[in-house]
C-alpha atoms as a PDB file:
ATOM      1  CA  MET A   1    -140.039 177.435  51.227  1.00  0.00           C
ATOM      2  CA  GLY A   2    -136.221 179.176  51.772  1.00  0.00           C
ATOM      3  CA  VAL A   3    -134.610 176.641  49.228  1.00  0.00           C
ATOM      4  CA  GLY A   4    -134.871 177.475  45.638  1.00  0.00           C
ATOM      5  CA  LEU A   5    -134.501 174.524  43.498  1.00  0.00           C
ATOM      6  CA  HIS A   6    -131.853 174.647  40.586  1.00  0.00           C
ATOM      7  CA  LEU A   7    -134.069 171.991  38.573  1.00  0.00           C
ATOM      8  CA  LEU A   8    -135.019 174.743  35.810  1.00  0.00           C
ATOM      9  CA  SER A   9    -131.425 174.867  34.816  1.00  0.00           C
ATOM     10  CA  LEU A  10    -132.074 171.272  33.868  1.00  0.00           C
ATOM     11  CA  ALA A  11    -134.687 172.010  31.345  1.00  0.00           C
ATOM     12  CA  TYR A  12    -132.283 171.209  28.582  1.00  0.00           C
ATOM     13  CA  ALA A  13    -132.341 167.612  29.734  1.00  0.00           C
ATOM     14  CA  GLY A  14    -135.885 167.138  29.118  1.00  0.00           C
ATOM     15  CA  THR A  15    -137.146 167.518  32.935  1.00  0.00           C
ATOM     16  CA  VAL A  16    -140.704 166.314  33.384  1.00  0.00           C
ATOM     17  CA  ALA A  17    -142.179 166.102  37.061  1.00  0.00           C
ATOM     18  CA  ARG A  18    -143.729 162.730  36.080  1.00  0.00           C
ATOM     19  CA  ALA A  19    -141.191 161.030  33.644  1.00  0.00           C
ATOM     20  CA  SER A  20    -141.388 157.928  31.955  1.00  0.00           C
ATOM     21  CA  LEU A  21    -139.067 155.571  30.099  1.00  0.00           C
ATOM     22  CA  ALA A  22    -140.985 156.690  26.815  1.00  0.00           C
ATOM     23  CA  GLY A  23    -139.260 160.030  27.542  1.00  0.00           C
ATOM     24  CA  MET A  24    -135.930 158.240  27.179  1.00  0.00           C
ATOM     25  CA  THR A  25    -136.467 157.428  23.530  1.00  0.00           C
ATOM     26  CA  GLN A  26    -137.762 160.725  22.697  1.00  0.00           C
ATOM     27  CA  ASP A  27    -135.362 163.345  20.963  1.00  0.00           C
ATOM     28  CA  PRO A  28    -135.756 166.220  23.195  1.00  0.00           C
ATOM     29  CA  ALA A  29    -135.032 168.580  20.388  1.00  0.00           C
ATOM     30  CA  SER A  30    -137.900 167.649  18.457  1.00  0.00           C
ATOM     31  CA  PRO A  31    -141.297 169.768  18.554  1.00  0.00           C
ATOM     32  CA  GLU A  32    -143.429 166.617  17.607  1.00  0.00           C
ATOM     33  CA  PRO A  33    -145.136 164.601  20.499  1.00  0.00           C
ATOM     34  CA  ALA A  34    -143.618 161.305  21.513  1.00  0.00           C
ATOM     35  CA  ALA A  35    -146.430 159.361  20.014  1.00  0.00           C
ATOM     36  CA  GLU A  36    -145.493 160.309  16.593  1.00  0.00           C
ATOM     37  CA  LEU A  37    -141.518 159.921  16.932  1.00  0.00           C
ATOM     38  CA  PRO A  38    -139.790 156.859  15.875  1.00  0.00           C
ATOM     39  CA  THR A  39    -138.427 155.037  18.748  1.00  0.00           C
ATOM     40  CA  ARG A  40    -134.658 155.439  19.569  1.00  0.00           C
ATOM     41  CA  GLU A  41    -132.686 152.282  20.034  1.00  0.00           C
ATOM     42  CA  LEU A  42    -131.167 152.012  23.523  1.00  0.00           C
ATOM     43  CA  ALA A  43    -127.783 151.398  22.151  1.00  0.00           C
ATOM     44  CA  ASP A  44    -127.905 154.601  20.051  1.00  0.00           C
ATOM     45  CA  ILE A  45    -128.377 156.935  23.125  1.00  0.00           C
ATOM     46  CA  PRO A  46    -124.843 158.121  24.395  1.00  0.00           C
ATOM     47  CA  ALA A  47    -124.047 157.033  27.709  1.00  0.00           C
ATOM     48  CA  VAL A  48    -124.177 160.823  29.189  1.00  0.00           C
ATOM     49  CA  GLU A  49    -127.748 161.245  28.049  1.00  0.00           C
ATOM     50  CA  VAL A  50    -129.013 158.116  29.860  1.00  0.00           C
ATOM     51  CA  ILE A  51    -127.019 159.295  32.834  1.00  0.00           C
ATOM     52  CA  THR A  52    -128.324 162.873  32.885  1.00  0.00           C
ATOM     53  CA  ARG A  53    -131.848 161.730  32.275  1.00  0.00           C
ATOM     54  CA  SER A  54    -131.694 159.204  34.849  1.00  0.00           C
ATOM     55  CA  ALA A  55    -130.341 162.104  37.271  1.00  0.00           C
ATOM     56  CA  VAL A  56    -133.152 164.179  36.032  1.00  0.00           C
ATOM     57  CA  MET A  57    -135.875 161.299  36.910  1.00  0.00           C
ATOM     58  CA  LEU A  58    -134.502 160.766  40.410  1.00  0.00           C
ATOM     59  CA  MET A  59    -134.704 164.548  41.016  1.00  0.00           C
ATOM     60  CA  SER A  60    -138.285 164.980  39.747  1.00  0.00           C
ATOM     61  CA  ALA A  61    -139.107 162.088  41.880  1.00  0.00           C
ATOM     62  CA  ALA A  62    -137.457 163.224  44.883  1.00  0.00           C
ATOM     63  CA  ALA A  63    -138.872 166.684  44.431  1.00  0.00           C
ATOM     64  CA  GLU A  64    -142.589 165.254  44.144  1.00  0.00           C
ATOM     65  CA  LYS A  65    -141.918 163.270  47.376  1.00  0.00           C
ATOM     66  CA  LEU A  66    -140.602 166.419  49.234  1.00  0.00           C
ATOM     67  CA  GLY A  67    -143.943 168.126  47.942  1.00  0.00           C
ATOM     68  CA  LEU A  68    -142.152 170.353  46.057  1.00  0.00           C
ATOM     69  CA  SER A  69    -144.878 170.522  43.145  1.00  0.00           C
ATOM     70  CA  ALA A  70    -147.492 171.603  45.519  1.00  0.00           C
ATOM     71  CA  GLU A  71    -148.287 175.145  46.388  1.00  0.00           C
ATOM     72  CA  ASP A  72    -147.738 174.416  49.972  1.00  0.00           C
ATOM     73  CA  PRO A  73    -145.241 171.452  50.533  1.00  0.00           C
ATOM     74  CA  ASP A  74    -146.221 170.710  54.125  1.00  0.00           C
ATOM     75  CA  GLU A  75    -149.652 169.939  52.765  1.00  0.00           C
ATOM     76  CA  SER A  76    -148.790 167.874  49.553  1.00  0.00           C
ATOM     77  CA  PRO A  77    -150.605 164.344  49.559  1.00  0.00           C
ATOM     78  CA  HIS A  78    -147.220 163.119  47.936  1.00  0.00           C
ATOM     79  CA  ARG A  79    -145.068 164.132  50.654  1.00  0.00           C
ATOM     80  CA  ASP A  80    -143.021 161.225  52.024  1.00  0.00           C
ATOM     81  CA  LEU A  81    -139.865 162.205  53.476  1.00  0.00           C
ATOM     82  CA  ASP A  82    -138.611 158.269  53.836  1.00  0.00           C
ATOM     83  CA  GLU A  83    -138.989 157.950  50.022  1.00  0.00           C
ATOM     84  CA  ALA A  84    -137.364 161.265  49.237  1.00  0.00           C
ATOM     85  CA  ARG A  85    -134.354 159.983  51.374  1.00  0.00           C
ATOM     86  CA  ARG A  86    -133.993 157.060  49.195  1.00  0.00           C
ATOM     87  CA  LEU A  87    -134.092 158.938  45.987  1.00  0.00           C
ATOM     88  CA  ILE A  88    -131.830 161.565  47.115  1.00  0.00           C
ATOM     89  CA  THR A  89    -129.251 158.965  48.475  1.00  0.00           C
ATOM     90  CA  ALA A  90    -129.657 157.035  44.921  1.00  0.00           C
ATOM     91  CA  LEU A  91    -129.181 160.426  42.988  1.00  0.00           C
ATOM     92  CA  ALA A  92    -125.915 161.298  45.058  1.00  0.00           C
ATOM     93  CA  GLY A  93    -124.645 157.913  44.399  1.00  0.00           C
ATOM     94  CA  LEU A  94    -125.211 158.043  40.619  1.00  0.00           C
ATOM     95  CA  VAL A  95    -123.709 161.853  40.487  1.00  0.00           C
ATOM     96  CA  THR A  96    -120.818 161.027  42.542  1.00  0.00           C
ATOM     97  CA  ALA A  97    -120.008 158.038  40.375  1.00  0.00           C
ATOM     98  CA  SER A  98    -120.390 159.648  37.042  1.00  0.00           C
ATOM     99  CA  ALA A  99    -119.454 163.428  37.450  1.00  0.00           C
ATOM    100  CA  GLU A 100    -116.454 162.871  35.440  1.00  0.00           C
ATOM    101  CA  TYR A 101    -118.589 161.879  32.518  1.00  0.00           C
ATOM    102  CA  LEU A 102    -121.310 164.486  32.706  1.00  0.00           C
ATOM    103  CA  GLY A 103    -118.971 167.242  31.412  1.00  0.00           C
ATOM    104  CA  PRO A 104    -121.018 170.471  31.299  1.00  0.00           C
ATOM    105  CA  HIS A 105    -123.928 168.971  32.928  1.00  0.00           C
ATOM    106  CA  ALA A 106    -122.049 168.154  36.054  1.00  0.00           C
ATOM    107  CA  GLY A 107    -122.514 171.573  37.659  1.00  0.00           C
ATOM    108  CA  PRO A 108    -126.408 171.768  37.105  1.00  0.00           C
ATOM    109  CA  VAL A 109    -126.958 168.367  38.274  1.00  0.00           C
ATOM    110  CA  ARG A 110    -124.744 168.827  41.335  1.00  0.00           C
ATOM    111  CA  ASP A 111    -126.856 172.079  42.176  1.00  0.00           C
ATOM    112  CA  GLY A 112    -130.065 170.356  41.623  1.00  0.00           C
ATOM    113  CA  LEU A 113    -128.755 167.329  44.203  1.00  0.00           C
ATOM    114  CA  LYS A 114    -127.795 169.802  46.877  1.00  0.00           C
ATOM    115  CA  SER A 115    -131.075 171.685  46.495  1.00  0.00           C
ATOM    116  CA  LEU A 116    -132.930 168.558  47.287  1.00  0.00           C
ATOM    117  CA  GLN A 117    -130.632 167.807  50.232  1.00  0.00           C
ATOM    118  CA  LEU A 118    -131.393 171.396  51.788  1.00  0.00           C
ATOM    119  CA  ALA A 119    -135.168 170.919  50.817  1.00  0.00           C
ATOM    120  CA  PHE A 120    -135.095 167.700  52.685  1.00  0.00           C
ATOM    121  CA  ARG A 121    -133.323 169.169  55.778  1.00  0.00           C
ATOM    122  CA  GLU A 122    -135.733 172.177  55.669  1.00  0.00           C
ATOM    123  CA  ALA A 123    -138.749 169.676  55.578  1.00  0.00           C
ATOM    124  CA  SER A 124    -137.591 167.495  58.177  1.00  0.00           C
ATOM    125  CA  ALA A 125    -139.047 167.542  61.774  1.00  0.00           C
ATOM    126  CA  ALA A 126    -135.772 166.907  63.533  1.00  0.00           C
ATOM    127  CA  PRO A 127    -132.997 167.789  60.774  1.00  0.00           C
ATOM    128  CA  GLU A 128    -129.875 165.704  60.954  1.00  0.00           C
ATOM    129  CA  GLU A 129    -126.684 167.325  61.487  1.00  0.00           C
ATOM    130  CA  PRO A 130    -124.778 168.120  58.256  1.00  0.00           C
ATOM    131  CA  GLY A 131    -122.756 165.037  56.962  1.00  0.00           C
ATOM    132  CA  HIS A 132    -125.589 162.759  58.158  1.00  0.00           C
ATOM    133  CA  GLY A 133    -128.579 163.559  55.709  1.00  0.00           C
ATOM    134  CA  PRO A 134    -129.534 161.819  52.379  1.00  0.00           C
ATOM    135  CA  GLY A 135    -126.537 161.271  50.108  1.00  0.00           C
ATOM    136  CA  GLU A 136    -124.081 163.270  52.334  1.00  0.00           C
ATOM    137  CA  LYS A 137    -122.025 160.110  52.688  1.00  0.00           C
ATOM    138  CA  TYR A 138    -121.254 160.453  49.005  1.00  0.00           C
ATOM    139  CA  THR A 139    -121.344 164.154  48.730  1.00  0.00           C
ATOM    140  CA  GLY A 140    -120.140 165.299  52.211  1.00  0.00           C
ATOM    141  CA  PRO A 141    -121.790 167.809  54.412  1.00  0.00           C
ATOM    142  CA  VAL A 142    -124.269 169.992  52.736  1.00  0.00           C
ATOM    143  CA  TRP A 143    -124.721 173.594  54.253  1.00  0.00           C
END
């Protein structure tokens, strides 16, 4: 696959391929497993962390739906471009609406979004023109 995902740059945000709501309550800096940690109150979690983790969850889900976790994405049993389109569009809306609040996280999150948009175009049998792909009504054309 010609498009390299920049999702690894989001490792600091607790990226997991199969995220869960339980991950929202775990301190990512802690070496202890989630089962042994006390639950964090949602009210105590800073907004930037909730937004970033939500973006990472959308990225991870979109990557799965694009088949990017498989050795051969074209043969992935999880590949579903309609679902990937929805996830990428939701991610684009979230990133666009919250970019000013993300601070140093904005760049890597935008890079991950762009990589997913390009991967979608590459995976499509009949790619749309730039500006018409998933989320591009929020981000503008992706090349």
